[in-house]
PDB file of N, CA and C in Angstrom:
ATOM      1  N   MET A   1     -18.379  14.522  36.283  1.00  0.00           N
ATOM      2  CA  MET A   1     -17.712  14.933  35.067  1.00  0.00           C
ATOM      3  C   MET A   1     -16.230  14.582  35.127  1.00  0.00           C
ATOM      4  N   GLN A   2     -15.638  14.768  36.294  1.00  0.00           N
ATOM      5  CA  GLN A   2     -14.215  14.483  36.453  1.00  0.00           C
ATOM      6  C   GLN A   2     -13.945  12.984  36.307  1.00  0.00           C
ATOM      7  N   LYS A   3     -14.853  12.159  36.807  1.00  0.00           N
ATOM      8  CA  LYS A   3     -14.682  10.707  36.663  1.00  0.00           C
ATOM      9  C   LYS A   3     -14.767  10.291  35.193  1.00  0.00           C
ATOM     10  N   LEU A   4     -15.637  10.939  34.439  1.00  0.00           N
ATOM     11  CA  LEU A   4     -15.764  10.643  33.012  1.00  0.00           C
ATOM     12  C   LEU A   4     -14.462  10.972  32.282  1.00  0.00           C
ATOM     13  N   ILE A   5     -13.873  12.102  32.582  1.00  0.00           N
ATOM     14  CA  ILE A   5     -12.615  12.494  31.942  1.00  0.00           C
ATOM     15  C   ILE A   5     -11.503  11.524  32.320  1.00  0.00           C
ATOM     16  N   GLN A   6     -11.436  11.131  33.583  1.00  0.00           N
ATOM     17  CA  GLN A   6     -10.418  10.168  34.007  1.00  0.00           C
ATOM     18  C   GLN A   6     -10.603   8.832  33.305  1.00  0.00           C
ATOM     19  N   ARG A   7     -11.854   8.396  33.175  1.00  0.00           N
ATOM     20  CA  ARG A   7     -12.117   7.130  32.500  1.00  0.00           C
ATOM     21  C   ARG A   7     -11.734   7.200  31.021  1.00  0.00           C
ATOM     22  N   LEU A   8     -12.016   8.317  30.370  1.00  0.00           N
ATOM     23  CA  LEU A   8     -11.674   8.478  28.968  1.00  0.00           C
ATOM     24  C   LEU A   8     -10.161   8.533  28.761  1.00  0.00           C
ATOM     25  N   THR A   9      -9.432   9.120  29.685  1.00  0.00           N
ATOM     26  CA  THR A   9      -7.974   9.189  29.536  1.00  0.00           C
ATOM     27  C   THR A   9      -7.324   7.828  29.756  1.00  0.00           C
ATOM     28  N   ARG A  10      -7.964   6.957  30.520  1.00  0.00           N
ATOM     29  CA  ARG A  10      -7.421   5.606  30.744  1.00  0.00           C
ATOM     30  C   ARG A  10      -7.856   4.613  29.673  1.00  0.00           C
ATOM     31  N   ASP A  11      -8.900   4.930  28.931  1.00  0.00           N
ATOM     32  CA  ASP A  11      -9.423   4.025  27.901  1.00  0.00           C
ATOM     33  C   ASP A  11      -8.511   4.061  26.683  1.00  0.00           C
ATOM     34  N   GLU A  12      -7.950   2.905  26.302  1.00  0.00           N
ATOM     35  CA  GLU A  12      -7.024   2.836  25.175  1.00  0.00           C
ATOM     36  C   GLU A  12      -7.604   2.075  23.989  1.00  0.00           C
ATOM     37  N   ASP A  13      -8.887   1.747  23.997  1.00  0.00           N
ATOM     38  CA  ASP A  13      -9.489   1.016  22.888  1.00  0.00           C
ATOM     39  C   ASP A  13      -9.444   1.828  21.594  1.00  0.00           C
ATOM     40  N   GLY A  14      -9.732   3.104  21.678  1.00  0.00           N
ATOM     41  CA  GLY A  14      -9.697   3.950  20.491  1.00  0.00           C
ATOM     42  C   GLY A  14      -8.291   4.076  19.920  1.00  0.00           C
ATOM     43  N   ALA A  15      -7.303   4.182  20.806  1.00  0.00           N
ATOM     44  CA  ALA A  15      -5.916   4.290  20.358  1.00  0.00           C
ATOM     45  C   ALA A  15      -5.491   3.019  19.632  1.00  0.00           C
ATOM     46  N   THR A  16      -5.914   1.880  20.126  1.00  0.00           N
ATOM     47  CA  THR A  16      -5.564   0.622  19.481  1.00  0.00           C
ATOM     48  C   THR A  16      -6.194   0.541  18.091  1.00  0.00           C
ATOM     49  N   ALA A  17      -7.429   0.967  17.972  1.00  0.00           N
ATOM     50  CA  ALA A  17      -8.095   0.951  16.671  1.00  0.00           C
ATOM     51  C   ALA A  17      -7.391   1.883  15.689  1.00  0.00           C
ATOM     52  N   ILE A  18      -6.966   3.033  16.160  1.00  0.00           N
ATOM     53  CA  ILE A  18      -6.245   3.974  15.301  1.00  0.00           C
ATOM     54  C   ILE A  18      -4.908   3.382  14.876  1.00  0.00           C
ATOM     55  N   GLU A  19      -4.217   2.715  15.798  1.00  0.00           N
ATOM     56  CA  GLU A  19      -2.938   2.086  15.452  1.00  0.00           C
ATOM     57  C   GLU A  19      -3.121   1.011  14.389  1.00  0.00           C
ATOM     58  N   TYR A  20      -4.156   0.200  14.537  1.00  0.00           N
ATOM     59  CA  TYR A  20      -4.425  -0.826  13.521  1.00  0.00           C
ATOM     60  C   TYR A  20      -4.770  -0.189  12.180  1.00  0.00           C
ATOM     61  N   GLY A  21      -5.498   0.892  12.210  1.00  0.00           N
ATOM     62  CA  GLY A  21      -5.831   1.602  10.981  1.00  0.00           C
ATOM     63  C   GLY A  21      -4.584   2.155  10.295  1.00  0.00           C
ATOM     64  N   LEU A  22      -3.671   2.705  11.074  1.00  0.00           N
ATOM     65  CA  LEU A  22      -2.427   3.225  10.509  1.00  0.00           C
ATOM     66  C   LEU A  22      -1.572   2.103   9.923  1.00  0.00           C
ATOM     67  N   ILE A  23      -1.513   0.979  10.608  1.00  0.00           N
ATOM     68  CA  ILE A  23      -0.752  -0.166  10.096  1.00  0.00           C
ATOM     69  C   ILE A  23      -1.363  -0.651   8.781  1.00  0.00           C
ATOM     70  N   ALA A  24      -2.681  -0.752   8.740  1.00  0.00           N
ATOM     71  CA  ALA A  24      -3.357  -1.188   7.508  1.00  0.00           C
ATOM     72  C   ALA A  24      -3.101  -0.199   6.372  1.00  0.00           C
ATOM     73  N   ALA A  25      -3.103   1.085   6.674  1.00  0.00           N
ATOM     74  CA  ALA A  25      -2.848   2.104   5.647  1.00  0.00           C
ATOM     75  C   ALA A  25      -1.418   1.991   5.124  1.00  0.00           C
ATOM     76  N   LEU A  26      -0.458   1.779   6.008  1.00  0.00           N
ATOM     77  CA  LEU A  26       0.937   1.634   5.575  1.00  0.00           C
ATOM     78  C   LEU A  26       1.126   0.389   4.714  1.00  0.00           C
ATOM     79  N   ILE A  27       0.479  -0.688   5.093  1.00  0.00           N
ATOM     80  CA  ILE A  27       0.565  -1.918   4.287  1.00  0.00           C
ATOM     81  C   ILE A  27      -0.062  -1.681   2.915  1.00  0.00           C
ATOM     82  N   ALA A  28      -1.185  -0.994   2.874  1.00  0.00           N
ATOM     83  CA  ALA A  28      -1.844  -0.709   1.600  1.00  0.00           C
ATOM     84  C   ALA A  28      -0.960   0.158   0.709  1.00  0.00           C
ATOM     85  N   ILE A  29      -0.306   1.153   1.283  1.00  0.00           N
ATOM     86  CA  ILE A  29       0.595   2.012   0.505  1.00  0.00           C
ATOM     87  C   ILE A  29       1.764   1.202  -0.037  1.00  0.00           C
ATOM     88  N   ALA A  30       2.323   0.313   0.783  1.00  0.00           N
ATOM     89  CA  ALA A  30       3.431  -0.528   0.326  1.00  0.00           C
ATOM     90  C   ALA A  30       2.988  -1.447  -0.807  1.00  0.00           C
ATOM     91  N   LEU A  31       1.802  -2.029  -0.694  1.00  0.00           N
ATOM     92  CA  LEU A  31       1.302  -2.912  -1.744  1.00  0.00           C
ATOM     93  C   LEU A  31       1.062  -2.163  -3.049  1.00  0.00           C
ATOM     94  N   VAL A  32       0.455  -0.995  -2.957  1.00  0.00           N
ATOM     95  CA  VAL A  32       0.176  -0.221  -4.166  1.00  0.00           C
ATOM     96  C   VAL A  32       1.474   0.170  -4.858  1.00  0.00           C
ATOM     97  N   SER A  33       2.454   0.628  -4.096  1.00  0.00           N
ATOM     98  CA  SER A  33       3.715   1.021  -4.725  1.00  0.00           C
ATOM     99  C   SER A  33       4.429  -0.188  -5.320  1.00  0.00           C
ATOM    100  N   SER A  34       4.336  -1.337  -4.673  1.00  0.00           N
ATOM    101  CA  SER A  34       4.942  -2.552  -5.220  1.00  0.00           C
ATOM    102  C   SER A  34       4.259  -2.971  -6.514  1.00  0.00           C
ATOM    103  N   PHE A  35       2.934  -2.913  -6.540  1.00  0.00           N
ATOM    104  CA  PHE A  35       2.204  -3.287  -7.751  1.00  0.00           C
ATOM    105  C   PHE A  35       2.479  -2.320  -8.892  1.00  0.00           C
ATOM    106  N   LEU A  36       2.605  -1.034  -8.589  1.00  0.00           N
ATOM    107  CA  LEU A  36       2.928  -0.061  -9.629  1.00  0.00           C
ATOM    108  C   LEU A  36       4.314  -0.331 -10.203  1.00  0.00           C
ATOM    109  N   ASN A  37       5.262  -0.630  -9.322  1.00  0.00           N
ATOM    110  CA  ASN A  37       6.621  -0.940  -9.765  1.00  0.00           C
ATOM    111  C   ASN A  37       6.633  -2.210 -10.609  1.00  0.00           C
ATOM    112  N   LEU A  38       5.912  -3.218 -10.182  1.00  0.00           N
ATOM    113  CA  LEU A  38       5.828  -4.465 -10.933  1.00  0.00           C
ATOM    114  C   LEU A  38       5.177  -4.222 -12.296  1.00  0.00           C
ATOM    115  N   GLY A  39       4.146  -3.416 -12.337  1.00  0.00           N
ATOM    116  CA  GLY A  39       3.481  -3.092 -13.598  1.00  0.00           C
ATOM    117  C   GLY A  39       4.423  -2.399 -14.565  1.00  0.00           C
ATOM    118  N   ASN A  40       5.218  -1.472 -14.054  1.00  0.00           N
ATOM    119  CA  ASN A  40       6.177  -0.781 -14.913  1.00  0.00           C
ATOM    120  C   ASN A  40       7.231  -1.750 -15.449  1.00  0.00           C
ATOM    121  N   MET A  41       7.690  -2.659 -14.611  1.00  0.00           N
ATOM    122  CA  MET A  41       8.691  -3.638 -15.060  1.00  0.00           C
ATOM    123  C   MET A  41       8.099  -4.573 -16.108  1.00  0.00           C
ATOM    124  N   LEU A  42       6.852  -5.000 -15.914  1.00  0.00           N
ATOM    125  CA  LEU A  42       6.202  -5.867 -16.893  1.00  0.00           C
ATOM    126  C   LEU A  42       5.983  -5.138 -18.215  1.00  0.00           C
ATOM    127  N   GLU A  43       5.596  -3.877 -18.145  1.00  0.00           N
ATOM    128  CA  GLU A  43       5.391  -3.102 -19.362  1.00  0.00           C
ATOM    129  C   GLU A  43       6.699  -2.995 -20.146  1.00  0.00           C
ATOM    130  N   GLU A  44       7.786  -2.739 -19.453  1.00  0.00           N
ATOM    131  CA  GLU A  44       9.087  -2.648 -20.109  1.00  0.00           C
ATOM    132  C   GLU A  44       9.478  -3.985 -20.744  1.00  0.00           C
ATOM    133  N   THR A  45       9.224  -5.075 -20.044  1.00  0.00           N
ATOM    134  CA  THR A  45       9.547  -6.403 -20.574  1.00  0.00           C
ATOM    135  C   THR A  45       8.730  -6.709 -21.828  1.00  0.00           C
ATOM    136  N   PHE A  46       7.434  -6.436 -21.786  1.00  0.00           N
ATOM    137  CA  PHE A  46       6.580  -6.703 -22.950  1.00  0.00           C
ATOM    138  C   PHE A  46       6.943  -5.806 -24.128  1.00  0.00           C
ATOM    139  N   ASN A  47       7.319  -4.573 -23.855  1.00  0.00           N
ATOM    140  CA  ASN A  47       7.753  -3.687 -24.940  1.00  0.00           C
ATOM    141  C   ASN A  47       9.037  -4.203 -25.578  1.00  0.00           C
ATOM    142  N   THR A  48       9.953  -4.722 -24.778  1.00  0.00           N
ATOM    143  CA  THR A  48      11.191  -5.296 -25.308  1.00  0.00           C
ATOM    144  C   THR A  48      10.883  -6.501 -26.185  1.00  0.00           C
ATOM    145  N   ILE A  49       9.991  -7.354 -25.715  1.00  0.00           N
ATOM    146  CA  ILE A  49       9.605  -8.536 -26.495  1.00  0.00           C
ATOM    147  C   ILE A  49       8.916  -8.123 -27.798  1.00  0.00           C
ATOM    148  N   ALA A  50       8.008  -7.145 -27.721  1.00  0.00           N
ATOM    149  CA  ALA A  50       7.301  -6.688 -28.912  1.00  0.00           C
ATOM    150  C   ALA A  50       8.270  -6.093 -29.921  1.00  0.00           C
ATOM    151  N   THR A  51       9.238  -5.337 -29.452  1.00  0.00           N
ATOM    152  CA  THR A  51      10.234  -4.757 -30.351  1.00  0.00           C
ATOM    153  C   THR A  51      11.067  -5.853 -31.013  1.00  0.00           C
ATOM    154  N   ALA A  52      11.479  -6.838 -30.237  1.00  0.00           N
ATOM    155  CA  ALA A  52      12.270  -7.943 -30.790  1.00  0.00           C
ATOM    156  C   ALA A  52      11.472  -8.715 -31.824  1.00  0.00           C
ATOM    157  N   LEU A  53      10.203  -8.949 -31.567  1.00  0.00           N
ATOM    158  CA  LEU A  53       9.362  -9.666 -32.540  1.00  0.00           C
ATOM    159  C   LEU A  53       9.157  -8.833 -33.800  1.00  0.00           C
ATOM    160  N   HIS A  54       8.969  -7.539 -33.620  1.00  0.00           N
ATOM    161  CA  HIS A  54       8.778  -6.662 -34.769  1.00  0.00           C
ATOM    162  C   HIS A  54      10.029  -6.645 -35.644  1.00  0.00           C
ATOM    163  N   LEU A  55      11.195  -6.581 -35.004  1.00  0.00           N
ATOM    164  CA  LEU A  55      12.451  -6.570 -35.771  1.00  0.00           C
ATOM    165  C   LEU A  55      12.723  -7.912 -36.437  1.00  0.00           C
ATOM    166  N   ALA A  56      12.278  -8.978 -35.806  1.00  0.00           N
ATOM    167  CA  ALA A  56      12.490 -10.311 -36.383  1.00  0.00           C
ATOM    168  C   ALA A  56      11.622 -10.502 -37.628  1.00  0.00           C
ATOM    169  N   ASN A  57      10.457  -9.868 -37.663  1.00  0.00           N
ATOM    170  CA  ASN A  57       9.556 -10.001 -38.814  1.00  0.00           C
ATOM    171  C   ASN A  57       9.906  -9.032 -39.937  1.00  0.00           C
ATOM    172  N   ALA A  58      10.752  -8.074 -39.680  1.00  0.00           N
ATOM    173  CA  ALA A  58      11.081  -7.055 -40.700  1.00  0.00           C
ATOM    174  C   ALA A  58      12.055  -7.549 -41.735  1.00  0.00           C
TER     175      ALA A  58
END
């Protein structure tokens, strides 16, 4: 039993997988926030264009 515990404490494969998972999660969060920000900027731009076109036709 003691050898099993020692082997498990030296095994770092699980830690590496968790680290990769955390990195992937952080990248995903950064991408989502970037896309949301880009979407908001595009919406504002299209609203400005739509307003300008509406005023030009009035």
